[in-house]
Each structure stands twice: as structure tokens, then as C-alpha cells.
Amino acid sequence: LTPTRQAGVCAFYGECGRNPEVNVSLVASQVPCLSNTPARVASGALLSLLRSVCPELARGDNDTTRVCCSYAQLSALRFSVGLSGAVLARCPACARNFANLYCHNICSPDQSLFTNVTRVINSTAVPGARAVLEYQLFYRRRYAEAAFTSCQGVRLPATGGYAISTMCGRYGAELCTAQRWLDFQGDKNNGLAPLQIDFQLLPNGSEPGEGIVPLDAPVWGCDQAPGSDQEPCSCQDCAQACPPVVPPAGPPPPFRIGRADGVLVICVLIFGVLALAFVVAALCRRGKAEA
């Protein structure tokens, strides 16, 4: 369902109504329309909103920035990013990395390179269009794990636990991995996802074929500031941001006299002096006794 794979081409675009397979959702999100077509030029209000929600995708002026999302899709993304940002706000790098996962997923102009639509239905909201119900996303494992690592230590002040525990389903924080973290985000039964997303994490150097190029975007470490007006994560939320621990001073070097153990040499000398004194005293007593 995504036959054309090249830079500047979308896999889907626009909104095609609600997913009939999702009965319970905390967010009234819509699924996209199948659209394996060239990315659209972002201008005016769309470009302004893109610079606010997905600044990394704003590549210049009105003539050079292209996207695969409509204004309505980007507005919905802004709302979703706001929800996650409330949980991850203690660590700006983590919040930005998490938002970028969805920015690339929904708006990247090169969407067709790492997206493979696998299931659609005829849309009831948009006549003649087909609504996307499921697709695959191909990421470099390095990219996914770096984004996950930047969020792994972020805590929730209200509970004292880790924010990642609320984003990994039944696995919680201790058993959560990058794959499980993303799988939960793409589960249509999690109450937030409008459709099913199958995340494929590929090791460095491996190629899936069929023209697919796994996404491998830049990621900020939790000890880095994603913007000039932001700070790195705190030490409490990011071990890498903690000041280095100065190791305690090692034991002093052993006391030596020449190549010999200094304590042993002194003990031998003291013993020798005492022995000599004992002998001298004994000889003196013997001399007095004979006199």
C-alpha cells in the first residue's frame, strides 16, 4: 500500500475520520488518509504551527519546507505532545525526543521511506478516500534506544516513580525497553493511539529492502539542552547530568628504606639495640660479681 518510496513522498496525508475498531479512547483522534503522493509545501499558519510543534522539520522559508501532515493533523499532534510534555516536562531533552518521534511519524516529508501502510478501509468521513488502520514504522535501533534512554530516568514528582512506567504498559519501568516502550505507544488499545503501529527496530547496518530507509534522526542526550532557552535535565532525572564523583584518596605508599620495608628495618634496629644493651648489662653484672 506504499509502492512509491523516495524522499519527498508521503505514505498518508489528512484526516479520514475515527477508527471504527477503537471503541474507547481518551483522545478523540482521527486516522490519516492513504496518500502515497508528494509532500505538500508548508506555508502560512501551517508553517508557523510546524515551527512551534516540530521545529526540526521547519527547514527554511515557505518554498523549502514540505510536510506530510495537514493543519488539522498538526493541531492534533500539538495536543498529544502537550499531554506527554506534562509527564516529561522535568527533562526537556526527553520531551523533545519523544515529540520528535511523532513529528517524523506524522509530518516528515520523507515519510514513505520508513513507513509501510499495511491495512486500510474505505473512509466514511471522506468519500472516495481510504482510511489507514495499521502501518509499520522502521527505525534504526540506535535512534529508538537513544530516545528511550533520554527518558528512562525521568521521575514523576507526584509519585516519586519513573514517568516511563506510565508509558510502557504492563512492563512498568523495570522491564521497559525501547521496543516495549514504542509498542505501547502504537497499541490501539492503550486509550490514546487512534490506530495500530508496528514498530520495527533495525540494527545498524541492516537493510530491510524494498526501498525502505530506517529513520535515524538526531537525538539529544538527557544531559544536553535541546534549545538555547532550555536547560539539561536535572541530576535527579538524568544520571549523566550529575557532577562526577571524586574518588577517595588511595592509601599512602608503603614506608621503605631503600628497597626494604621501613617498619621491618626499624624493628630490626630496635631489636639489635635492645639485644646489645642486654648483653652489655649482663657483662657488667658478671664483672661486678667476679670482683
C-alpha atoms as a PDB file:
ATOM      1  CA  LEU A   1       0.000   0.000   0.000  1.00  0.00           C
ATOM      2  CA  THR A   2       3.088   2.240  -0.109  1.00  0.00           C
ATOM      3  CA  PRO A   3       4.517   1.461  -3.562  1.00  0.00           C
ATOM      4  CA  THR A   4       6.474   4.704  -4.037  1.00  0.00           C
ATOM      5  CA  ARG A   5       9.369   5.085  -1.590  1.00  0.00           C
ATOM      6  CA  GLN A   6      11.533   8.137  -2.012  1.00  0.00           C
ATOM      7  CA  ALA A   7      12.447  11.369  -0.283  1.00  0.00           C
ATOM      8  CA  GLY A   8       9.733  13.990  -0.504  1.00  0.00           C
ATOM      9  CA  VAL A   9       6.884  11.463  -0.780  1.00  0.00           C
ATOM     10  CA  CYS A  10       4.189  10.720   1.822  1.00  0.00           C
ATOM     11  CA  ALA A  11       2.579   7.457   2.871  1.00  0.00           C
ATOM     12  CA  PHE A  12      -0.577   9.158   4.170  1.00  0.00           C
ATOM     13  CA  TYR A  13      -1.999  12.666   4.500  1.00  0.00           C
ATOM     14  CA  GLY A  14      -5.016  14.401   6.013  1.00  0.00           C
ATOM     15  CA  GLU A  15      -7.763  13.049   8.269  1.00  0.00           C
ATOM     16  CA  CYS A  16     -10.234  10.312   7.340  1.00  0.00           C
ATOM     17  CA  GLY A  17     -12.440  10.114  10.425  1.00  0.00           C
ATOM     18  CA  ARG A  18     -12.430   7.937  13.530  1.00  0.00           C
ATOM     19  CA  ASN A  19     -11.196   4.362  13.650  1.00  0.00           C
ATOM     20  CA  PRO A  20     -14.248   2.053  13.865  1.00  0.00           C
ATOM     21  CA  GLU A  21     -12.092  -0.558  15.624  1.00  0.00           C
ATOM     22  CA  VAL A  22     -11.265   1.737  18.572  1.00  0.00           C
ATOM     23  CA  ASN A  23     -14.203   1.908  20.966  1.00  0.00           C
ATOM     24  CA  VAL A  24     -12.541   3.505  23.998  1.00  0.00           C
ATOM     25  CA  SER A  25     -10.220   6.483  23.555  1.00  0.00           C
ATOM     26  CA  LEU A  26      -9.169   9.239  25.932  1.00  0.00           C
ATOM     27  CA  VAL A  27      -8.361  11.470  22.956  1.00  0.00           C
ATOM     28  CA  ALA A  28     -10.721  11.978  20.010  1.00  0.00           C
ATOM     29  CA  SER A  29      -8.066  11.351  17.354  1.00  0.00           C
ATOM     30  CA  GLN A  30      -8.680  10.621  13.703  1.00  0.00           C
ATOM     31  CA  VAL A  31      -6.839   8.242  11.411  1.00  0.00           C
ATOM     32  CA  PRO A  32      -4.992   9.512   8.314  1.00  0.00           C
ATOM     33  CA  CYS A  33      -5.968   9.001   4.692  1.00  0.00           C
ATOM     34  CA  LEU A  34      -3.863   6.786   2.450  1.00  0.00           C
ATOM     35  CA  SER A  35      -1.885   9.129   0.194  1.00  0.00           C
ATOM     36  CA  ASN A  36       1.356   7.937  -1.414  1.00  0.00           C
ATOM     37  CA  THR A  37       1.870  11.361  -3.001  1.00  0.00           C
ATOM     38  CA  PRO A  38       4.467  14.176  -2.936  1.00  0.00           C
ATOM     39  CA  ALA A  39       4.823  16.120   0.318  1.00  0.00           C
ATOM     40  CA  ARG A  40       2.979  19.444   0.459  1.00  0.00           C
ATOM     41  CA  VAL A  41       4.590  22.852   0.843  1.00  0.00           C
ATOM     42  CA  ALA A  42       4.144  24.208   4.370  1.00  0.00           C
ATOM     43  CA  SER A  43       3.283  27.891   4.422  1.00  0.00           C
ATOM     44  CA  GLY A  44       1.324  30.434   6.410  1.00  0.00           C
ATOM     45  CA  ALA A  45      -0.402  29.100   9.528  1.00  0.00           C
ATOM     46  CA  LEU A  46       0.793  25.534   8.891  1.00  0.00           C
ATOM     47  CA  LEU A  47       4.443  26.592   8.766  1.00  0.00           C
ATOM     48  CA  SER A  48       4.024  28.737  11.869  1.00  0.00           C
ATOM     49  CA  LEU A  49       2.485  25.831  13.784  1.00  0.00           C
ATOM     50  CA  LEU A  50       5.167  23.463  12.497  1.00  0.00           C
ATOM     51  CA  ARG A  51       7.893  25.721  13.890  1.00  0.00           C
ATOM     52  CA  SER A  52       6.182  25.555  17.265  1.00  0.00           C
ATOM     53  CA  VAL A  53       5.384  21.828  17.435  1.00  0.00           C
ATOM     54  CA  CYS A  54       8.078  20.251  15.228  1.00  0.00           C
ATOM     55  CA  PRO A  55      10.829  22.870  14.803  1.00  0.00           C
ATOM     56  CA  GLU A  56      13.315  20.298  13.477  1.00  0.00           C
ATOM     57  CA  LEU A  57      11.136  19.805  10.386  1.00  0.00           C
ATOM     58  CA  ALA A  58      10.973  23.517   9.546  1.00  0.00           C
ATOM     59  CA  ARG A  59      13.824  23.661   7.057  1.00  0.00           C
ATOM     60  CA  GLY A  60      13.546  27.216   5.843  1.00  0.00           C
ATOM     61  CA  ASP A  61      11.041  29.558   4.285  1.00  0.00           C
ATOM     62  CA  ASN A  62       7.714  28.845   2.597  1.00  0.00           C
ATOM     63  CA  ASP A  63       9.351  27.443  -0.528  1.00  0.00           C
ATOM     64  CA  THR A  64      11.642  24.850   1.071  1.00  0.00           C
ATOM     65  CA  THR A  65       9.658  23.328   3.947  1.00  0.00           C
ATOM     66  CA  ARG A  66       7.467  20.407   2.937  1.00  0.00           C
ATOM     67  CA  VAL A  67       5.374  18.142   5.137  1.00  0.00           C
ATOM     68  CA  CYS A  68       3.086  15.120   5.003  1.00  0.00           C
ATOM     69  CA  CYS A  69       0.561  16.448   7.524  1.00  0.00           C
ATOM     70  CA  SER A  70      -2.314  18.893   7.290  1.00  0.00           C
ATOM     71  CA  TYR A  71      -3.012  21.738   9.687  1.00  0.00           C
ATOM     72  CA  ALA A  72      -5.671  19.600  11.409  1.00  0.00           C
ATOM     73  CA  GLN A  73      -3.230  16.720  11.883  1.00  0.00           C
ATOM     74  CA  LEU A  74      -0.559  19.032  13.257  1.00  0.00           C
ATOM     75  CA  SER A  75      -3.063  20.611  15.650  1.00  0.00           C
ATOM     76  CA  ALA A  76      -3.977  17.151  16.957  1.00  0.00           C
ATOM     77  CA  LEU A  77      -0.272  16.375  17.288  1.00  0.00           C
ATOM     78  CA  ARG A  78       0.238  19.553  19.308  1.00  0.00           C
ATOM     79  CA  PHE A  79      -2.428  18.378  21.745  1.00  0.00           C
ATOM     80  CA  SER A  80      -0.839  14.922  22.068  1.00  0.00           C
ATOM     81  CA  VAL A  81       2.633  16.403  22.531  1.00  0.00           C
ATOM     82  CA  GLY A  82       1.200  18.651  25.233  1.00  0.00           C
ATOM     83  CA  LEU A  83      -0.107  15.613  27.130  1.00  0.00           C
ATOM     84  CA  SER A  84       3.224  13.813  27.003  1.00  0.00           C
ATOM     85  CA  GLY A  85       5.071  17.036  27.777  1.00  0.00           C
ATOM     86  CA  ALA A  86       3.189  17.353  31.054  1.00  0.00           C
ATOM     87  CA  VAL A  87       4.590  13.968  32.116  1.00  0.00           C
ATOM     88  CA  LEU A  88       8.100  14.504  30.748  1.00  0.00           C
ATOM     89  CA  ALA A  89       8.464  18.245  31.405  1.00  0.00           C
ATOM     90  CA  ARG A  90      11.174  17.745  34.044  1.00  0.00           C
ATOM     91  CA  CYS A  91      13.552  16.724  31.251  1.00  0.00           C
ATOM     92  CA  PRO A  92      13.380  18.980  28.158  1.00  0.00           C
ATOM     93  CA  ALA A  93      15.618  16.680  26.085  1.00  0.00           C
ATOM     94  CA  CYS A  94      13.378  13.681  26.750  1.00  0.00           C
ATOM     95  CA  ALA A  95      10.215  15.661  25.978  1.00  0.00           C
ATOM     96  CA  ARG A  96      11.717  16.927  22.715  1.00  0.00           C
ATOM     97  CA  ASN A  97      12.931  13.473  21.658  1.00  0.00           C
ATOM     98  CA  PHE A  98       9.531  11.942  22.372  1.00  0.00           C
ATOM     99  CA  ALA A  99       7.752  14.686  20.425  1.00  0.00           C
ATOM    100  CA  ASN A 100      10.124  14.173  17.500  1.00  0.00           C
ATOM    101  CA  LEU A 101       9.153  10.508  17.265  1.00  0.00           C
ATOM    102  CA  TYR A 102       5.647  11.633  16.353  1.00  0.00           C
ATOM    103  CA  CYS A 103       6.731  14.661  14.343  1.00  0.00           C
ATOM    104  CA  HIS A 104       8.669  12.413  11.971  1.00  0.00           C
ATOM    105  CA  ASN A 105       5.971   9.762  12.054  1.00  0.00           C
ATOM    106  CA  ILE A 106       3.155  12.126  11.052  1.00  0.00           C
ATOM    107  CA  CYS A 107       4.749  15.110   9.305  1.00  0.00           C
ATOM    108  CA  SER A 108       8.122  14.116   7.851  1.00  0.00           C
ATOM    109  CA  PRO A 109       8.327  14.916   4.113  1.00  0.00           C
ATOM    110  CA  ASP A 110      10.262  11.647   3.699  1.00  0.00           C
ATOM    111  CA  GLN A 111       7.544   9.601   5.377  1.00  0.00           C
ATOM    112  CA  SER A 112       7.343   6.950   2.641  1.00  0.00           C
ATOM    113  CA  LEU A 113      10.986   5.948   3.193  1.00  0.00           C
ATOM    114  CA  PHE A 114      10.368   4.495   6.659  1.00  0.00           C
ATOM    115  CA  THR A 115       6.584   3.897   6.654  1.00  0.00           C
ATOM    116  CA  ASN A 116       4.720   0.936   5.205  1.00  0.00           C
ATOM    117  CA  VAL A 117       0.912   1.057   5.295  1.00  0.00           C
ATOM    118  CA  THR A 118      -0.450  -2.465   5.801  1.00  0.00           C
ATOM    119  CA  ARG A 119      -4.216  -2.096   6.281  1.00  0.00           C
ATOM    120  CA  VAL A 120      -6.898   0.370   5.168  1.00  0.00           C
ATOM    121  CA  ILE A 121     -10.685   0.634   4.875  1.00  0.00           C
ATOM    122  CA  ASN A 122     -12.959   2.828   2.811  1.00  0.00           C
ATOM    123  CA  SER A 123     -13.471   6.094   4.649  1.00  0.00           C
ATOM    124  CA  THR A 124     -16.988   7.064   5.660  1.00  0.00           C
ATOM    125  CA  ALA A 125     -15.891  10.613   6.514  1.00  0.00           C
ATOM    126  CA  VAL A 126     -14.125  11.393   3.223  1.00  0.00           C
ATOM    127  CA  PRO A 127     -15.871   9.913   0.155  1.00  0.00           C
ATOM    128  CA  GLY A 128     -13.508   8.098  -2.183  1.00  0.00           C
ATOM    129  CA  ALA A 129     -10.635   8.050   0.322  1.00  0.00           C
ATOM    130  CA  ARG A 130      -9.196   5.090   2.184  1.00  0.00           C
ATOM    131  CA  ALA A 131      -8.537   5.377   5.916  1.00  0.00           C
ATOM    132  CA  VAL A 132      -5.309   3.911   7.316  1.00  0.00           C
ATOM    133  CA  LEU A 133      -5.876   1.451  10.179  1.00  0.00           C
ATOM    134  CA  GLU A 134      -2.412  -0.039  10.544  1.00  0.00           C
ATOM    135  CA  TYR A 135       1.121   0.593   9.362  1.00  0.00           C
ATOM    136  CA  GLN A 136       4.738  -0.300  10.051  1.00  0.00           C
ATOM    137  CA  LEU A 137       7.431   2.157  11.102  1.00  0.00           C
ATOM    138  CA  PHE A 138      11.084   1.305  10.526  1.00  0.00           C
ATOM    139  CA  TYR A 139      13.577   2.887  12.940  1.00  0.00           C
ATOM    140  CA  ARG A 140      17.269   2.386  13.469  1.00  0.00           C
ATOM    141  CA  ARG A 141      17.661   0.675  16.826  1.00  0.00           C
ATOM    142  CA  ARG A 142      20.289   3.262  17.779  1.00  0.00           C
ATOM    143  CA  TYR A 143      17.766   6.059  17.286  1.00  0.00           C
ATOM    144  CA  ALA A 144      14.980   4.384  19.260  1.00  0.00           C
ATOM    145  CA  GLU A 145      17.234   3.338  22.128  1.00  0.00           C
ATOM    146  CA  ALA A 146      18.839   6.784  22.388  1.00  0.00           C
ATOM    147  CA  ALA A 147      15.400   8.415  22.641  1.00  0.00           C
ATOM    148  CA  PHE A 148      14.323   5.828  25.218  1.00  0.00           C
ATOM    149  CA  THR A 149      17.496   6.287  27.275  1.00  0.00           C
ATOM    150  CA  SER A 150      16.946  10.050  27.456  1.00  0.00           C
ATOM    151  CA  CYS A 151      13.568   9.408  29.146  1.00  0.00           C
ATOM    152  CA  GLN A 152      14.414   6.364  31.232  1.00  0.00           C
ATOM    153  CA  GLY A 153      15.377   8.242  34.401  1.00  0.00           C
ATOM    154  CA  VAL A 154      12.684  10.955  34.391  1.00  0.00           C
ATOM    155  CA  ARG A 155      10.612  10.873  37.575  1.00  0.00           C
ATOM    156  CA  LEU A 156       7.050  11.843  38.433  1.00  0.00           C
ATOM    157  CA  PRO A 157       7.124  14.183  41.456  1.00  0.00           C
ATOM    158  CA  ALA A 158       3.590  13.183  42.481  1.00  0.00           C
ATOM    159  CA  THR A 159       4.511   9.516  42.941  1.00  0.00           C
ATOM    160  CA  GLY A 160       8.295   9.506  43.113  1.00  0.00           C
ATOM    161  CA  GLY A 161       8.280   6.769  40.470  1.00  0.00           C
ATOM    162  CA  TYR A 162       9.524   6.849  36.899  1.00  0.00           C
ATOM    163  CA  ALA A 163       7.499   8.515  34.157  1.00  0.00           C
ATOM    164  CA  ILE A 164       8.394   5.667  31.809  1.00  0.00           C
ATOM    165  CA  SER A 165       6.307   3.296  33.959  1.00  0.00           C
ATOM    166  CA  THR A 166       3.137   5.026  32.705  1.00  0.00           C
ATOM    167  CA  MET A 167       4.288   4.703  29.095  1.00  0.00           C
ATOM    168  CA  CYS A 168       5.236   1.028  28.932  1.00  0.00           C
ATOM    169  CA  GLY A 169       2.012  -0.779  29.759  1.00  0.00           C
ATOM    170  CA  ARG A 170       2.232  -3.935  31.849  1.00  0.00           C
ATOM    171  CA  TYR A 171       6.035  -3.936  31.864  1.00  0.00           C
ATOM    172  CA  GLY A 172       6.435  -0.898  34.109  1.00  0.00           C
ATOM    173  CA  ALA A 173       9.753   0.902  34.491  1.00  0.00           C
ATOM    174  CA  GLU A 174      11.927  -2.062  35.482  1.00  0.00           C
ATOM    175  CA  LEU A 175      11.134  -4.273  32.484  1.00  0.00           C
ATOM    176  CA  CYS A 176      10.637  -1.495  29.940  1.00  0.00           C
ATOM    177  CA  THR A 177      12.833  -1.444  26.825  1.00  0.00           C
ATOM    178  CA  ALA A 178      12.870   0.767  23.748  1.00  0.00           C
ATOM    179  CA  GLN A 179      10.872  -1.847  21.824  1.00  0.00           C
ATOM    180  CA  ARG A 180       8.262  -2.282  24.563  1.00  0.00           C
ATOM    181  CA  TRP A 181       8.037   1.481  25.043  1.00  0.00           C
ATOM    182  CA  LEU A 182       7.243   2.046  21.372  1.00  0.00           C
ATOM    183  CA  ASP A 183       4.959  -0.983  21.146  1.00  0.00           C
ATOM    184  CA  PHE A 184       2.794   0.508  23.879  1.00  0.00           C
ATOM    185  CA  GLN A 185       2.651   3.855  22.045  1.00  0.00           C
ATOM    186  CA  GLY A 186       1.460   2.048  18.924  1.00  0.00           C
ATOM    187  CA  ASP A 187      -1.139  -0.139  20.636  1.00  0.00           C
ATOM    188  CA  LYS A 188      -4.623   0.943  19.557  1.00  0.00           C
ATOM    189  CA  ASN A 189      -5.977  -0.414  22.859  1.00  0.00           C
ATOM    190  CA  ASN A 190      -3.908   1.909  25.080  1.00  0.00           C
ATOM    191  CA  GLY A 191      -6.626   4.574  25.146  1.00  0.00           C
ATOM    192  CA  LEU A 192      -4.577   7.121  23.191  1.00  0.00           C
ATOM    193  CA  ALA A 193      -3.431   5.639  19.866  1.00  0.00           C
ATOM    194  CA  PRO A 194      -6.029   6.060  17.085  1.00  0.00           C
ATOM    195  CA  LEU A 195      -4.654   3.098  15.102  1.00  0.00           C
ATOM    196  CA  GLN A 196      -2.176   0.233  15.270  1.00  0.00           C
ATOM    197  CA  ILE A 197       1.518   0.951  14.639  1.00  0.00           C
ATOM    198  CA  ASP A 198       4.053  -1.850  14.292  1.00  0.00           C
ATOM    199  CA  PHE A 199       7.496  -0.501  15.229  1.00  0.00           C
ATOM    200  CA  GLN A 200      10.395  -2.310  13.578  1.00  0.00           C
ATOM    201  CA  LEU A 201      13.778  -1.540  15.183  1.00  0.00           C
ATOM    202  CA  LEU A 202      16.627  -2.481  12.880  1.00  0.00           C
ATOM    203  CA  PRO A 203      20.272  -2.901  13.946  1.00  0.00           C
ATOM    204  CA  ASN A 204      22.855  -0.595  12.437  1.00  0.00           C
ATOM    205  CA  GLY A 205      23.911  -1.773   9.006  1.00  0.00           C
ATOM    206  CA  SER A 206      20.893  -3.997   8.342  1.00  0.00           C
ATOM    207  CA  GLU A 207      18.647  -3.099   5.421  1.00  0.00           C
ATOM    208  CA  PRO A 208      15.016  -4.270   5.175  1.00  0.00           C
ATOM    209  CA  GLY A 209      14.956  -3.918   1.387  1.00  0.00           C
ATOM    210  CA  GLU A 210      12.071  -2.772  -0.832  1.00  0.00           C
ATOM    211  CA  GLY A 211      13.418   0.782  -0.782  1.00  0.00           C
ATOM    212  CA  ILE A 212      12.837   1.229   2.965  1.00  0.00           C
ATOM    213  CA  VAL A 213      15.327   3.511   4.737  1.00  0.00           C
ATOM    214  CA  PRO A 214      15.004   3.239   8.551  1.00  0.00           C
ATOM    215  CA  LEU A 215      14.620   6.566  10.334  1.00  0.00           C
ATOM    216  CA  ASP A 216      17.797   7.588  12.164  1.00  0.00           C
ATOM    217  CA  ALA A 217      17.229  11.156  13.337  1.00  0.00           C
ATOM    218  CA  PRO A 218      19.362  13.177  15.789  1.00  0.00           C
ATOM    219  CA  VAL A 219      18.632  12.670  19.499  1.00  0.00           C
ATOM    220  CA  TRP A 220      19.524  14.838  22.492  1.00  0.00           C
ATOM    221  CA  GLY A 221      21.082  13.174  25.498  1.00  0.00           C
ATOM    222  CA  CYS A 222      19.358  13.933  28.792  1.00  0.00           C
ATOM    223  CA  ASP A 223      22.430  15.934  29.846  1.00  0.00           C
ATOM    224  CA  GLN A 224      22.023  18.236  26.823  1.00  0.00           C
ATOM    225  CA  ALA A 225      19.771  21.270  26.332  1.00  0.00           C
ATOM    226  CA  PRO A 226      17.594  20.922  23.201  1.00  0.00           C
ATOM    227  CA  GLY A 227      17.296  24.702  22.879  1.00  0.00           C
ATOM    228  CA  SER A 228      19.150  27.860  23.851  1.00  0.00           C
ATOM    229  CA  ASP A 229      16.323  28.789  26.232  1.00  0.00           C
ATOM    230  CA  GLN A 230      16.255  25.370  27.928  1.00  0.00           C
ATOM    231  CA  GLU A 231      18.371  23.524  30.455  1.00  0.00           C
ATOM    232  CA  PRO A 232      19.668  19.957  30.578  1.00  0.00           C
ATOM    233  CA  CYS A 233      17.746  17.509  32.735  1.00  0.00           C
ATOM    234  CA  SER A 234      18.430  17.598  36.455  1.00  0.00           C
ATOM    235  CA  CYS A 235      20.693  15.110  38.184  1.00  0.00           C
ATOM    236  CA  GLN A 236      17.613  13.536  39.774  1.00  0.00           C
ATOM    237  CA  ASP A 237      16.208  12.684  36.325  1.00  0.00           C
ATOM    238  CA  CYS A 238      19.434  12.009  34.442  1.00  0.00           C
ATOM    239  CA  ALA A 239      22.477  10.200  35.803  1.00  0.00           C
ATOM    240  CA  GLN A 240      24.657  11.673  33.037  1.00  0.00           C
ATOM    241  CA  ALA A 241      23.842  15.191  34.266  1.00  0.00           C
ATOM    242  CA  CYS A 242      25.201  14.521  37.765  1.00  0.00           C
ATOM    243  CA  PRO A 243      28.610  16.016  38.636  1.00  0.00           C
ATOM    244  CA  PRO A 244      31.419  13.468  38.641  1.00  0.00           C
ATOM    245  CA  VAL A 245      32.039  11.765  41.961  1.00  0.00           C
ATOM    246  CA  VAL A 246      35.590  12.394  43.178  1.00  0.00           C
ATOM    247  CA  PRO A 247      37.032   9.037  44.250  1.00  0.00           C
ATOM    248  CA  PRO A 248      38.544   8.876  47.739  1.00  0.00           C
ATOM    249  CA  ALA A 249      42.297   9.237  48.000  1.00  0.00           C
ATOM    250  CA  GLY A 250      44.134   5.953  47.822  1.00  0.00           C
ATOM    251  CA  PRO A 251      46.273   4.594  50.665  1.00  0.00           C
ATOM    252  CA  PRO A 252      49.686   6.247  51.138  1.00  0.00           C
ATOM    253  CA  PRO A 253      52.658   4.484  49.554  1.00  0.00           C
ATOM    254  CA  PRO A 254      54.402   1.939  51.790  1.00  0.00           C
ATOM    255  CA  PHE A 255      57.229   3.214  54.044  1.00  0.00           C
ATOM    256  CA  ARG A 256      60.519   1.924  52.710  1.00  0.00           C
ATOM    257  CA  ILE A 257      64.194   2.375  53.491  1.00  0.00           C
ATOM    258  CA  GLY A 258      65.980   1.717  50.272  1.00  0.00           C
ATOM    259  CA  ARG A 259      64.318  -1.390  48.907  1.00  0.00           C
ATOM    260  CA  ALA A 260      63.497  -2.836  52.317  1.00  0.00           C
ATOM    261  CA  ASP A 261      60.316  -2.449  54.337  1.00  0.00           C
ATOM    262  CA  GLY A 262      60.949   0.607  56.532  1.00  0.00           C
ATOM    263  CA  VAL A 263      58.993  -0.719  59.521  1.00  0.00           C
ATOM    264  CA  LEU A 264      60.859  -4.022  59.406  1.00  0.00           C
ATOM    265  CA  VAL A 265      64.235  -2.252  59.247  1.00  0.00           C
ATOM    266  CA  ILE A 266      63.363  -0.087  62.277  1.00  0.00           C
ATOM    267  CA  CYS A 267      62.117  -3.121  64.219  1.00  0.00           C
ATOM    268  CA  VAL A 268      65.360  -4.983  63.467  1.00  0.00           C
ATOM    269  CA  LEU A 269      67.424  -1.975  64.571  1.00  0.00           C
ATOM    270  CA  ILE A 270      65.449  -1.612  67.801  1.00  0.00           C
ATOM    271  CA  PHE A 271      65.780  -5.320  68.477  1.00  0.00           C
ATOM    272  CA  GLY A 272      69.515  -5.120  67.802  1.00  0.00           C
ATOM    273  CA  VAL A 273      69.954  -2.151  70.139  1.00  0.00           C
ATOM    274  CA  LEU A 274      67.970  -3.862  72.907  1.00  0.00           C
ATOM    275  CA  ALA A 275      69.900  -7.088  72.436  1.00  0.00           C
ATOM    276  CA  LEU A 276      73.203  -5.209  72.587  1.00  0.00           C
ATOM    277  CA  ALA A 277      72.080  -3.370  75.727  1.00  0.00           C
ATOM    278  CA  PHE A 278      71.070  -6.669  77.304  1.00  0.00           C
ATOM    279  CA  VAL A 279      74.466  -8.223  76.537  1.00  0.00           C
ATOM    280  CA  VAL A 280      76.345  -5.186  77.863  1.00  0.00           C
ATOM    281  CA  ALA A 281      74.260  -5.181  81.045  1.00  0.00           C
ATOM    282  CA  ALA A 282      74.855  -8.884  81.538  1.00  0.00           C
ATOM    283  CA  LEU A 283      78.601  -8.482  81.112  1.00  0.00           C
ATOM    284  CA  CYS A 284      78.673  -5.600  83.576  1.00  0.00           C
ATOM    285  CA  ARG A 285      76.858  -7.639  86.226  1.00  0.00           C
ATOM    286  CA  ARG A 286      79.174 -10.557  85.679  1.00  0.00           C
ATOM    287  CA  GLY A 287      82.217  -8.308  86.059  1.00  0.00           C
ATOM    288  CA  LYS A 288      80.923  -6.885  89.352  1.00  0.00           C
ATOM    289  CA  ALA A 289      80.163 -10.360  90.656  1.00  0.00           C
ATOM    290  CA  GLU A 290      83.727 -11.580  89.973  1.00  0.00           C
ATOM    291  CA  ALA A 291      85.191  -8.513  91.617  1.00  0.00           C
END
